[in-house]
Every structure is written in C-alpha cells, then in structure tokens.
Amino acid sequence: MRLDEYIWSRNPRGLHVQRVLITPLDYSRWTDPHFGWVKLVAAEHEYVDDSMDFLARGITPIVRLYVERPGAMPFDARLRDLTLQYVNAGVRWFEFYNEPNLPIEWPPGQWIHWQNFDGMIRPLMDNWLVWAEYIASLGCYPGFPALAESAAPDSSAVFWMDAFLNYLAQARRDRFGALLNSGLYCATHPYILNHFYQEVPGLGPTSARPPEAQNAREAGWHFEYPYDPISQRTDPGRTVYGGTARTPNGDPVGLTAMGRMFNERCAQVWGAQAVPVVGTEGGIFPFDDEPQYQQDSRYPYYTRDSQAEATVAMFEWISRQGPPWFFGVCLWKEDEYYKGGPLRAIERLRETPPLYNAVPPLEVMQAPIGPGPVHGEPTFHAVILAPGLEPRWFFETARAYWNRFRPLVTTSWDFIQHIPHDRSLAATVVAPPDMSQAIVTTIQQQYPNVLIDLVVAQGDLGQIAEVFNGRVWSDRRFG
C-alpha cells in the first residue's frame, strides 16, 4: 500500500468535537475555518448522520469508539455493530483504546505501568490486533492507540510505545507486519506546548522572534522539536527517545515526535518506510487562565494572538516541510476554540486558505530485501564459513557432504541480499563456539527468512568430518 492510496481530504487542519453525545453539530465551525479533519468520539450511533454530512463537505471523519474506562476490553459484538453503522455512512478512519498510559482509561485499582506486561501490554495489544484486523478487512484504517505524551517514569509514552512494539515483534510479528501494509495508521496526541518558534530574519536558526512579531505568512518557522536548533543547542543529542541526562524517560512532546518514533521502530523491525500518522487531538492549546504561556523556558512564551499565528503556521509547516507520513492534527477541542465566540486562531484560519498535502506515491513497506520464507525444501543452500575457516578446509573435511548435496560454499553472506523474495535459502553456518551466535544473530536480523543450520566447529577435524559424514549416511542435508 502507498501513502497516496489512503483516502482523506489531504487538508491537515482538524478539530476535535466537544464531547460524546452532542448532535447535530454546527458544521460551520469546521467549514468556515477550512478544516479537513473532524475527530468524533462515538459512544453510540449519534454521529452517523454527521459523518455523512462532513464527508459531503469534503471533511474526513475519524471515529473513536468510546467506552468509559475500557482498559484492555475486547472488541465485542455491540462495538462491531456500531462500527458497521459508521462504515456504511462512509467512515474509514477508526480508533479503539485511548491514552492507555493514563489511569483514567482503566478500571480503578489497576497498576498503570509499562512494565505491567500480563495485566496491560499483552492483553491490550492482543485485543487491539483483533480489532485492527477486522477494521482492515472492511477496507478501513485502524489507528494504533494514541498515547498521552508523558515523560513521567510510569507513564512515559516512549516506554509504553516500546513495550507495545517489542511485544508485537516477538509474539505477533507477521500479523502486525501485514497490518502495516493494509491501511494501519498511528494516532498521536501532540500537545506541543511552546515547542515552536519563528526565526528572526538574518539572525540564524536559533534566533526566535518575540510573540508579537510572529507572522504566519512569513518563513522561518520550526515545529520539528526535539530536533530543532534551539533544542539541540540547549541539550545536544536530545531525541524523542531521550538520549541525554535531562531526558531519562524520553521527550515525546513535539508535533511529530511520537509519529517519528513509531515510524523508526517499524522501519527497524518490519522494514516499513512510511506509516501514516494523524494527531487525533492536540495542537497549541489555547489556555485562558493566563495572558501568556511558557511551559519550556528555552522557547518564547505565546499569547492568544501568537497562538493564532502559530496555529496557521503549524498547519502550513505540515504541508510544506513535515514528513510525508504526517497527515495532520485535530485541535483540542471545539468548545475551547469557540468559547465565548471564536478564538483569534479560528478567525485566522478563516482568513487563510488551507495548504493541501502533496502526498507522494511512497510505499508503506519497503520492497523486501533477500529471500522469502522457506516452504518445504529451500530453493538455495549455502554453507557459510566463519572468518578463519577457508573453503579449502571445508572441502578437505566435508568432501562427501559436498559431493552429495552440492551447496554453495562461501566465507561471506553479502550474496543473500541478491536472492529474490520469491526464492528461499537455507544457510549451514560453520563457526567456532565463540563466533557462532554472533554470526547467526547478524544473519537473522538482516534476513529473518533464512533457515539457519548451525554446525559448531569445535574439537579436531575428525569430529567435524564425522558430523557431515553422518548427514551423508542418513541422507540428511541439515542437522
């Protein structure tokens, strides 16, 4: 599946509804500011008609199936029937589970921690996987659960994400890999605080305009936290994973930070190259209890007026400079932005036509490198000798084995990358005890489909010859 095959408005602007069970909605609150996403929280069928009306207006709905304190509850028949009502209305984007790293999403008395494997990580991922496969089977897009972007030890979004993906890699690797290429997207909640700024013209990338001088129509905006120049100057080497003494639990509080983490982890484990990400709630929150807000003293404060400029600039940055996999963010939330009348941010969005995302035809999954799985007999067989062992030694030691089975004999495994994915390979690795596990691990990490047949070369040559001769006598290619 390619990024450009996902069906949505291509407009990164979004707005989250006030809460559940409020309908009909005032559609002008989305159409006038040129929003392209609407986030709906559906306890029942209350937003089915609204979904159709939004779609008719070119606005893409994301439906979160709402259950109070769901914990790791399974996807049941009631939720299935509710889902089908929204699918029949044209909805494609769905979420199930929400911020599971917070106590409010679990029944009382739970130990809310990323290390609670049996109580949280495993059941949550197993039940989510069943739901996601069902959603994908309908031709729709299941959202990987959004985490609260916390950096506290127990609720760290980075630690929770790693716990989820590590379990899926170890126990559900193939199923999750299939989902990645079948419409999966990652939901995030990027409340980015004041982690943005606009450069002073001519003063370089770490200069920052005062809020009253910020202008959405001018260049120099930075929303790439924690990878922006100010962050790197003040805490060199900081990443979403942390990586510095000041970030022991990671630093997820940026517009694209958690989406970047998800994409990087999926690339490392499953070979993904671009998985869509949508901020299903977030943005620069318009607090109303103070005249200015400065959550991180390294960055300028913002006011209601500068929040408006930055919000317009944020959406345009997504379209112009954001990663191709980042599809937008739904501002939190409708009542906050229309409290006592529309906020200045809404007025500025009304005045400014949206920029649409130019989504490239980029494959979600990279073309597989190396051989595919072995089904029955492998297509090819190679004997890979550890450093220090020469082909001449092998032929002197295992001539009868080679005469019987005729494998390729080599001291390198670079050739594996050139084997087409519709062919398979078994590798008989011959290595001394101190090198055997390292070689096997290296090959398996790069080419997980290779069938490894390990022969530990220890003792005298007579013992190794006996191993291979025994295979010839019993007509067994592999041990």
Protein backbone atom coordinates (compact mmCIF):
# COMPACT_ATOMS: atom_id res chain seq x y z
CA MET A 1 0.00 0.00 0.00
CA ARG A 2 1.18 3.51 -0.82
CA LEU A 3 0.75 6.72 1.18
CA ASP A 4 -1.24 8.31 -1.65
CA GLU A 5 -3.75 5.44 -1.60
CA TYR A 6 -5.17 6.46 1.80
CA ILE A 7 -8.45 8.29 1.26
CA TRP A 8 -8.79 11.62 3.07
CA SER A 9 -9.21 15.33 2.37
CA ARG A 10 -5.43 16.00 2.03
CA ASN A 11 -6.06 19.04 4.24
CA PRO A 12 -4.05 18.74 7.50
CA ARG A 13 -6.31 21.06 9.51
CA GLY A 14 -8.57 19.30 12.00
CA LEU A 15 -10.81 19.98 15.00
CA HIS A 16 -11.94 17.59 17.74
CA VAL A 17 -15.60 17.66 18.83
CA GLN A 18 -16.51 18.91 22.30
CA ARG A 19 -17.50 15.52 23.70
CA VAL A 20 -19.75 12.50 23.10
CA LEU A 21 -23.49 12.66 22.56
CA ILE A 22 -23.70 16.21 21.18
CA THR A 23 -25.51 16.26 17.87
CA PRO A 24 -26.33 17.69 15.42
CA LEU A 25 -23.09 19.60 15.14
CA ASP A 26 -22.64 23.13 13.85
CA TYR A 27 -20.85 22.32 10.61
CA SER A 28 -19.85 25.95 10.07
CA ARG A 29 -17.34 25.51 12.88
CA TRP A 30 -15.43 23.20 10.53
CA THR A 31 -16.26 24.61 7.10
CA ASP A 32 -15.58 28.31 7.78
CA PRO A 33 -12.01 27.75 9.12
CA HIS A 34 -11.35 25.30 6.27
CA PHE A 35 -10.85 22.17 8.38
CA GLY A 36 -10.13 18.89 6.59
CA TRP A 37 -10.46 16.51 9.56
CA VAL A 38 -13.11 16.11 12.25
CA LYS A 39 -12.48 13.88 15.25
CA LEU A 40 -15.69 12.26 16.54
CA VAL A 41 -15.99 10.37 19.84
CA ALA A 42 -18.87 7.96 19.39
CA ALA A 43 -20.49 6.19 22.31
CA GLU A 44 -23.42 5.18 20.15
CA HIS A 45 -24.68 5.96 16.65
CA GLU A 46 -25.08 9.70 17.43
CA TYR A 47 -22.58 10.85 14.80
CA VAL A 48 -23.61 8.58 11.92
CA ASP A 49 -25.60 11.30 10.13
CA ASP A 50 -22.97 13.91 10.98
CA SER A 51 -20.30 11.70 9.41
CA MET A 52 -22.19 11.65 6.11
CA ASP A 53 -22.66 15.42 6.23
CA PHE A 54 -18.98 16.03 6.93
CA LEU A 55 -17.95 13.74 4.08
CA ALA A 56 -20.30 15.62 1.75
CA ARG A 57 -18.45 18.81 2.74
CA GLY A 58 -15.03 17.32 1.99
CA ILE A 59 -14.12 16.84 5.66
CA THR A 60 -12.75 13.45 6.73
CA PRO A 61 -14.15 11.99 9.98
CA ILE A 62 -12.08 9.95 12.41
CA VAL A 63 -14.32 7.95 14.74
CA ARG A 64 -13.10 6.86 18.14
CA LEU A 65 -15.27 4.09 19.56
CA TYR A 66 -15.86 5.39 23.07
CA VAL A 67 -16.16 3.19 26.15
CA GLU A 68 -15.65 4.66 29.60
CA ARG A 69 -12.55 3.20 31.26
CA PRO A 70 -12.21 0.38 28.71
CA GLY A 71 -8.87 -0.95 29.94
CA ALA A 72 -7.96 -3.80 27.61
CA MET A 73 -11.54 -4.89 26.93
CA PRO A 74 -12.01 -6.97 23.77
CA PHE A 75 -13.84 -5.69 20.73
CA ASP A 76 -17.34 -7.06 21.28
CA ALA A 77 -20.48 -7.57 19.22
CA ARG A 78 -22.01 -4.23 20.23
CA LEU A 79 -18.94 -2.32 19.08
CA ARG A 80 -18.82 -4.37 15.89
CA ASP A 81 -22.41 -3.45 15.03
CA LEU A 82 -21.74 0.19 15.91
CA THR A 83 -18.67 0.19 13.69
CA LEU A 84 -20.67 -1.13 10.75
CA GLN A 85 -23.11 1.78 11.05
CA TYR A 86 -20.24 4.23 10.63
CA VAL A 87 -18.65 2.19 7.84
CA ASN A 88 -21.96 2.23 5.99
CA ALA A 89 -22.00 6.01 6.41
CA GLY A 90 -18.64 6.22 4.63
CA VAL A 91 -16.22 6.47 7.58
CA ARG A 92 -12.84 4.86 7.01
CA TRP A 93 -10.68 6.11 9.90
CA PHE A 94 -11.22 4.49 13.31
CA GLU A 95 -9.68 4.40 16.78
CA PHE A 96 -10.12 1.95 19.66
CA TYR A 97 -8.43 2.48 23.04
CA ASN A 98 -7.15 5.89 24.02
CA GLU A 99 -4.17 7.01 26.11
CA PRO A 100 -3.77 3.65 27.89
CA ASN A 101 -0.78 5.03 29.78
CA LEU A 102 -3.18 7.08 31.97
CA PRO A 103 -5.23 5.74 34.92
CA ILE A 104 -8.47 7.35 33.65
CA GLU A 105 -8.59 4.78 30.83
CA TRP A 106 -8.54 1.74 33.16
CA PRO A 107 -10.90 0.35 35.80
CA PRO A 108 -9.94 1.52 39.30
CA GLY A 109 -7.28 -0.38 41.17
CA GLN A 110 -5.04 -1.19 38.19
CA TRP A 111 -1.26 -0.87 38.30
CA ILE A 112 -0.74 1.59 35.44
CA HIS A 113 2.78 0.93 34.26
CA TRP A 114 4.56 -0.01 31.04
CA GLN A 115 6.15 -2.92 32.92
CA ASN A 116 2.74 -4.43 33.69
CA PHE A 117 3.11 -6.90 30.84
CA ASP A 118 0.47 -9.51 31.73
CA GLY A 119 -2.05 -7.01 33.05
CA MET A 120 -1.77 -4.38 30.32
CA ILE A 121 0.72 -4.69 27.47
CA ARG A 122 -0.07 -8.21 26.25
CA PRO A 123 -3.90 -8.15 26.58
CA LEU A 124 -4.14 -4.63 25.18
CA MET A 125 -2.10 -5.47 22.10
CA ASP A 126 -3.76 -8.84 21.53
CA ASN A 127 -7.26 -7.33 21.71
CA TRP A 128 -6.25 -4.30 19.65
CA LEU A 129 -4.79 -6.58 16.97
CA VAL A 130 -8.07 -8.49 16.59
CA TRP A 131 -9.95 -5.19 16.27
CA ALA A 132 -7.44 -3.73 13.80
CA GLU A 133 -7.58 -6.81 11.57
CA TYR A 134 -11.36 -6.56 11.49
CA ILE A 135 -11.24 -2.85 10.58
CA ALA A 136 -8.69 -3.51 7.84
CA SER A 137 -10.84 -6.36 6.49
CA LEU A 138 -13.57 -3.77 5.88
CA GLY A 139 -11.23 -1.67 3.74
CA CYS A 140 -10.86 0.88 6.56
CA TYR A 141 -7.95 2.27 8.53
CA PRO A 142 -7.30 1.15 12.13
CA GLY A 143 -5.38 3.55 14.36
CA PHE A 144 -2.54 2.34 16.56
CA PRO A 145 -3.54 3.55 20.07
CA ALA A 146 -2.61 7.15 20.84
CA LEU A 147 -0.57 7.64 23.99
CA ALA A 148 -0.63 10.63 26.31
CA GLU A 149 2.69 12.27 25.55
CA SER A 150 4.02 11.93 29.06
CA ALA A 151 7.66 11.80 30.15
CA ALA A 152 6.93 10.58 33.69
CA PRO A 153 8.62 7.27 34.62
CA ASP A 154 5.45 5.14 34.90
CA SER A 155 3.51 6.68 32.03
CA SER A 156 6.34 7.54 29.62
CA ALA A 157 4.91 7.46 26.10
CA VAL A 158 8.30 6.30 24.81
CA PHE A 159 8.47 3.36 27.22
CA TRP A 160 4.86 2.35 26.52
CA MET A 161 5.37 2.52 22.76
CA ASP A 162 8.49 0.38 23.02
CA ALA A 163 6.68 -2.14 25.22
CA PHE A 164 3.84 -2.41 22.69
CA LEU A 165 6.07 -2.77 19.65
CA ASN A 166 8.53 -5.14 21.33
CA TYR A 167 5.69 -7.49 22.24
CA LEU A 168 4.25 -7.35 18.72
CA ALA A 169 7.71 -8.02 17.27
CA GLN A 170 8.27 -11.04 19.48
CA ALA A 171 4.79 -12.59 19.53
CA ARG A 172 2.75 -11.17 16.62
CA ARG A 173 5.38 -10.15 14.10
CA ASP A 174 3.74 -11.40 10.92
CA ARG A 175 0.23 -10.26 11.82
CA PHE A 176 1.34 -6.74 12.67
CA GLY A 177 3.53 -6.59 9.57
CA ALA A 178 0.53 -7.49 7.43
CA LEU A 179 -1.48 -4.70 9.09
CA LEU A 180 1.23 -2.16 8.36
CA ASN A 181 0.67 -2.81 4.68
CA SER A 182 -3.14 -2.98 4.91
CA GLY A 183 -4.20 0.51 5.99
CA LEU A 184 -2.81 0.88 9.50
CA TYR A 185 -2.06 4.40 10.75
CA CYS A 186 -0.62 5.67 14.03
CA ALA A 187 -2.74 8.01 16.15
CA THR A 188 -0.83 10.52 18.28
CA HIS A 189 -1.77 13.32 20.70
CA PRO A 190 0.78 16.06 20.01
CA TYR A 191 0.13 18.77 22.58
CA ILE A 192 3.26 20.63 21.59
CA LEU A 193 3.29 23.25 24.38
CA ASN A 194 5.56 26.15 23.33
CA HIS A 195 7.95 23.88 21.42
CA PHE A 196 7.86 26.05 18.30
CA TYR A 197 9.33 29.35 17.19
CA GLN A 198 9.95 31.62 14.20
CA GLU A 199 13.45 32.79 13.34
CA VAL A 200 14.45 36.44 13.29
CA PRO A 201 15.32 37.19 9.65
CA GLY A 202 19.07 37.19 9.15
CA LEU A 203 19.98 36.04 12.68
CA GLY A 204 20.14 32.31 12.12
CA PRO A 205 18.18 29.18 13.07
CA THR A 206 18.48 29.56 16.86
CA SER A 207 17.12 33.10 16.94
CA ALA A 208 13.48 33.47 17.98
CA ARG A 209 11.08 36.32 17.30
CA PRO A 210 9.11 37.67 20.25
CA PRO A 211 5.46 36.59 20.10
CA GLU A 212 4.20 39.98 18.96
CA ALA A 213 6.48 39.80 15.89
CA GLN A 214 5.42 36.31 14.75
CA ASN A 215 3.67 36.17 11.38
CA ALA A 216 2.21 33.04 9.83
CA ARG A 217 2.67 34.49 6.33
CA GLU A 218 6.44 34.72 6.71
CA ALA A 219 9.09 31.98 6.71
CA GLY A 220 11.38 30.67 9.43
CA TRP A 221 9.02 28.52 11.50
CA HIS A 222 10.25 25.49 13.43
CA PHE A 223 7.96 22.66 14.56
CA GLU A 224 10.44 19.76 14.41
CA TYR A 225 11.03 19.55 18.18
CA PRO A 226 13.08 17.96 19.76
CA TYR A 227 15.31 18.05 16.68
CA ASP A 228 15.14 21.82 16.10
CA PRO A 229 18.23 24.05 16.50
CA ILE A 230 17.21 25.57 19.85
CA SER A 231 16.64 22.14 21.41
CA GLN A 232 19.93 20.82 20.07
CA ARG A 233 21.83 23.89 21.21
CA THR A 234 20.47 23.73 24.75
CA ASP A 235 20.61 19.93 25.13
CA PRO A 236 22.81 18.41 22.41
CA GLY A 237 21.76 14.97 21.23
CA ARG A 238 18.19 15.10 22.57
CA THR A 239 15.75 12.89 20.66
CA VAL A 240 12.25 11.60 21.19
CA TYR A 241 13.91 8.62 22.92
CA GLY A 242 15.74 10.94 25.30
CA GLY A 243 19.42 10.30 24.90
CA THR A 244 20.56 12.96 27.36
CA ALA A 245 20.80 13.27 31.13
CA ARG A 246 17.92 15.74 31.11
CA THR A 247 15.55 13.33 29.34
CA PRO A 248 15.76 9.97 31.17
CA ASN A 249 12.25 8.93 30.12
CA GLY A 250 12.28 10.26 26.58
CA ASP A 251 10.93 13.53 25.23
CA PRO A 252 7.72 12.95 23.26
CA VAL A 253 6.26 16.49 23.43
CA GLY A 254 6.60 17.63 19.83
CA LEU A 255 4.34 17.87 16.80
CA THR A 256 5.83 14.84 15.01
CA ALA A 257 7.94 13.26 17.78
CA MET A 258 5.83 10.18 18.59
CA GLY A 259 4.97 9.66 14.92
CA ARG A 260 8.67 9.69 14.16
CA MET A 261 9.33 7.15 16.89
CA PHE A 262 6.61 4.84 15.56
CA ASN A 263 7.98 5.08 12.03
CA GLU A 264 11.56 4.49 13.09
CA ARG A 265 10.71 1.47 15.22
CA CYS A 266 8.54 -0.03 12.46
CA ALA A 267 11.37 0.54 9.98
CA GLN A 268 13.86 -1.23 12.23
CA VAL A 269 11.69 -4.27 12.93
CA TRP A 270 9.30 -4.64 9.98
CA GLY A 271 11.03 -2.78 7.17
CA ALA A 272 8.39 -0.05 6.92
CA GLN A 273 9.44 3.18 5.27
CA ALA A 274 6.42 5.48 5.78
CA VAL A 275 3.41 4.69 8.01
CA PRO A 276 0.71 7.42 8.13
CA VAL A 277 0.36 9.40 11.36
CA VAL A 278 -2.57 11.61 12.40
CA GLY A 279 -2.65 13.73 15.54
CA THR A 280 -6.20 12.88 16.53
CA GLU A 281 -6.07 15.52 19.24
CA GLY A 282 -3.50 18.14 20.16
CA GLY A 283 -2.07 21.37 18.81
CA ILE A 284 -1.03 24.54 20.66
CA PHE A 285 -3.56 24.57 23.46
CA PRO A 286 -5.25 27.97 23.98
CA PHE A 287 -5.16 28.24 27.78
CA ASP A 288 -7.35 31.05 29.08
CA ASP A 289 -6.23 31.46 32.71
CA GLU A 290 -3.06 33.48 32.00
CA PRO A 291 -2.17 36.20 29.45
CA GLN A 292 0.89 34.25 28.28
CA TYR A 293 2.17 30.69 28.43
CA GLN A 294 5.75 29.42 28.59
CA GLN A 295 5.91 25.78 29.56
CA ASP A 296 9.56 25.42 28.44
CA SER A 297 11.79 28.41 29.28
CA ARG A 298 14.13 27.62 26.36
CA TYR A 299 11.43 28.81 23.96
CA PRO A 300 9.43 32.04 23.71
CA TYR A 301 6.13 32.34 25.53
CA TYR A 302 2.96 32.61 23.50
CA THR A 303 -0.23 34.65 23.82
CA ARG A 304 -3.70 34.19 22.39
CA ASP A 305 -2.71 36.24 19.34
CA SER A 306 0.61 34.50 18.74
CA GLN A 307 -1.10 31.14 19.29
CA ALA A 308 -3.34 32.05 16.36
CA GLU A 309 -0.38 32.87 14.09
CA ALA A 310 1.46 29.74 15.17
CA THR A 311 -1.59 27.52 14.58
CA VAL A 312 -1.90 28.71 10.97
CA ALA A 313 1.88 28.31 10.55
CA MET A 314 1.78 24.81 12.09
CA PHE A 315 -0.69 23.53 9.52
CA GLU A 316 1.28 25.11 6.67
CA TRP A 317 4.52 23.64 8.04
CA ILE A 318 2.89 20.19 7.95
CA SER A 319 2.07 20.63 4.26
CA ARG A 320 5.34 22.29 3.23
CA GLN A 321 8.01 20.76 5.48
CA GLY A 322 6.50 17.96 7.53
CA PRO A 323 7.34 14.30 6.94
CA PRO A 324 5.31 12.80 4.08
CA TRP A 325 3.70 10.37 6.54
CA PHE A 326 2.27 13.13 8.78
CA PHE A 327 -1.31 13.79 7.68
CA GLY A 328 -2.36 16.49 10.15
CA VAL A 329 -3.69 17.19 13.63
CA CYS A 330 -7.13 17.74 15.17
CA LEU A 331 -7.08 20.73 17.52
CA TRP A 332 -8.31 20.04 21.04
CA LYS A 333 -11.18 20.93 21.06
CA GLU A 334 -14.33 22.53 19.62
CA ASP A 335 -15.62 24.23 22.80
CA GLU A 336 -12.16 25.62 23.65
CA TYR A 337 -11.85 27.28 20.27
CA TYR A 338 -15.41 28.67 20.31
CA LYS A 339 -15.59 29.64 23.97
CA GLY A 340 -17.41 32.98 24.18
CA GLY A 341 -17.14 33.25 20.42
CA PRO A 342 -14.43 32.03 18.02
CA LEU A 343 -10.86 32.48 19.18
CA ARG A 344 -8.39 34.50 17.17
CA ALA A 345 -6.96 31.20 15.86
CA ILE A 346 -10.31 30.37 14.26
CA GLU A 347 -10.51 33.84 12.73
CA ARG A 348 -7.02 33.50 11.26
CA LEU A 349 -7.87 30.07 9.83
CA ARG A 350 -11.00 31.55 8.25
CA GLU A 351 -8.89 34.27 6.62
CA THR A 352 -6.25 31.85 5.31
CA PRO A 353 -6.92 29.27 2.60
CA PRO A 354 -5.51 25.85 3.53
CA LEU A 355 -2.45 24.28 2.00
CA TYR A 356 -3.09 20.69 0.93
CA ASN A 357 -0.60 17.89 1.47
CA ALA A 358 1.17 16.68 -1.66
CA VAL A 359 1.22 13.02 -0.61
CA PRO A 360 3.88 11.10 -2.57
CA PRO A 361 3.31 7.62 -4.05
CA LEU A 362 5.57 6.15 -1.38
CA GLU A 363 5.18 2.51 -0.44
CA VAL A 364 4.37 1.99 3.24
CA MET A 365 6.57 -1.09 3.29
CA GLN A 366 9.93 -1.26 1.58
CA ALA A 367 10.36 -3.84 -1.12
CA PRO A 368 11.58 -6.96 0.70
CA ILE A 369 15.33 -7.50 0.56
CA GLY A 370 16.62 -11.03 0.43
CA PRO A 371 14.86 -14.39 0.32
CA GLY A 372 11.34 -15.17 1.40
CA PRO A 373 10.19 -17.83 3.87
CA VAL A 374 11.09 -21.49 3.38
CA HIS A 375 8.11 -23.64 2.42
CA GLY A 376 9.15 -27.28 2.28
CA GLU A 377 12.59 -27.51 0.66
CA PRO A 378 14.59 -24.25 0.34
CA THR A 379 15.33 -23.02 -3.17
CA PHE A 380 19.01 -22.49 -2.39
CA HIS A 381 21.50 -23.92 0.10
CA ALA A 382 24.77 -22.28 1.12
CA VAL A 383 27.50 -23.23 3.56
CA ILE A 384 28.77 -20.05 5.23
CA LEU A 385 32.16 -20.38 6.89
CA ALA A 386 33.16 -18.16 9.79
CA PRO A 387 36.23 -15.89 9.47
CA GLY A 388 39.36 -18.01 9.76
CA LEU A 389 37.81 -21.05 8.03
CA GLU A 390 38.65 -21.41 4.36
CA PRO A 391 36.76 -23.22 1.59
CA ARG A 392 39.78 -25.47 1.11
CA TRP A 393 39.45 -26.59 4.75
CA PHE A 394 35.77 -27.36 4.20
CA PHE A 395 36.36 -29.46 1.10
CA GLU A 396 39.11 -31.41 2.83
CA THR A 397 36.85 -32.01 5.84
CA ALA A 398 33.42 -32.49 4.27
CA ARG A 399 34.09 -33.61 0.68
CA ALA A 400 31.48 -36.39 0.84
CA TYR A 401 28.83 -33.91 2.08
CA TRP A 402 29.55 -31.50 -0.76
CA ASN A 403 29.55 -34.31 -3.35
CA ARG A 404 26.13 -35.43 -2.10
CA PHE A 405 24.32 -32.10 -1.66
CA ARG A 406 26.38 -29.58 -3.72
CA PRO A 407 25.80 -26.43 -1.64
CA LEU A 408 27.39 -23.07 -2.39
CA VAL A 409 30.43 -22.66 -0.10
CA THR A 410 31.44 -19.11 0.88
CA THR A 411 33.02 -17.03 3.62
CA SER A 412 30.63 -14.09 3.09
CA TRP A 413 26.87 -13.63 3.27
CA ASP A 414 26.59 -10.47 1.14
CA PHE A 415 25.10 -12.57 -1.64
CA ILE A 416 21.89 -13.08 0.37
CA GLN A 417 20.57 -9.59 -0.46
CA HIS A 418 20.50 -10.51 -4.16
CA ILE A 419 18.23 -13.53 -3.72
CA PRO A 420 14.69 -12.62 -4.92
CA HIS A 421 11.96 -12.62 -2.31
CA ASP A 422 10.09 -15.35 -4.18
CA ARG A 423 13.02 -17.71 -3.56
CA SER A 424 14.22 -19.17 -0.25
CA LEU A 425 17.56 -20.01 1.35
CA ALA A 426 18.92 -22.37 3.97
CA ALA A 427 22.37 -21.49 5.34
CA THR A 428 24.58 -24.06 7.04
CA VAL A 429 26.75 -21.84 9.24
CA VAL A 430 30.07 -23.41 10.30
CA ALA A 431 31.71 -21.43 13.11
CA PRO A 432 33.73 -21.90 16.30
CA PRO A 433 31.86 -21.61 19.62
CA ASP A 434 32.96 -18.04 20.34
CA MET A 435 31.64 -16.75 16.99
CA SER A 436 28.66 -18.93 16.19
CA GLN A 437 25.91 -16.98 17.97
CA ALA A 438 27.11 -13.58 16.71
CA ILE A 439 27.10 -14.76 13.09
CA VAL A 440 23.68 -16.39 13.38
CA THR A 441 22.20 -13.29 15.05
CA THR A 442 23.63 -10.97 12.41
CA ILE A 443 22.21 -13.01 9.53
CA GLN A 444 18.81 -13.42 11.17
CA GLN A 445 18.47 -9.71 11.93
CA GLN A 446 19.14 -8.76 8.32
CA TYR A 447 17.38 -11.70 6.67
CA PRO A 448 14.81 -13.20 9.05
CA ASN A 449 13.51 -15.67 6.46
CA VAL A 450 16.81 -17.54 6.08
CA LEU A 451 16.68 -21.05 7.59
CA ILE A 452 19.80 -21.34 9.78
CA ASP A 453 21.52 -24.72 10.16
CA LEU A 454 24.37 -24.28 12.67
CA VAL A 455 27.42 -26.54 12.89
CA VAL A 456 29.75 -25.59 15.75
CA ALA A 457 33.35 -26.21 14.72
CA GLN A 458 34.96 -27.38 17.93
CA GLY A 459 37.46 -30.17 18.59
CA ASP A 460 39.62 -31.77 15.94
CA LEU A 461 38.82 -32.08 12.26
CA GLY A 462 37.83 -35.68 12.68
CA GLN A 463 34.84 -34.69 14.83
CA ILE A 464 33.62 -32.12 12.29
CA ALA A 465 34.08 -34.60 9.46
CA GLU A 466 32.02 -37.08 11.45
CA VAL A 467 29.13 -34.58 11.69
CA PHE A 468 28.99 -34.08 7.93
CA ASN A 469 29.60 -37.73 7.09
CA GLY A 470 26.77 -38.69 9.41
CA ARG A 471 24.46 -36.49 7.39
CA VAL A 472 25.56 -38.16 4.17
CA TRP A 473 24.98 -41.65 5.55
CA SER A 474 21.50 -40.73 6.75
CA ASP A 475 20.79 -38.63 3.62
CA ARG A 476 20.07 -35.54 5.70
CA ARG A 477 21.11 -32.20 4.22
CA PHE A 478 20.51 -30.39 7.52
CA GLY A 479 21.08 -31.35 11.14
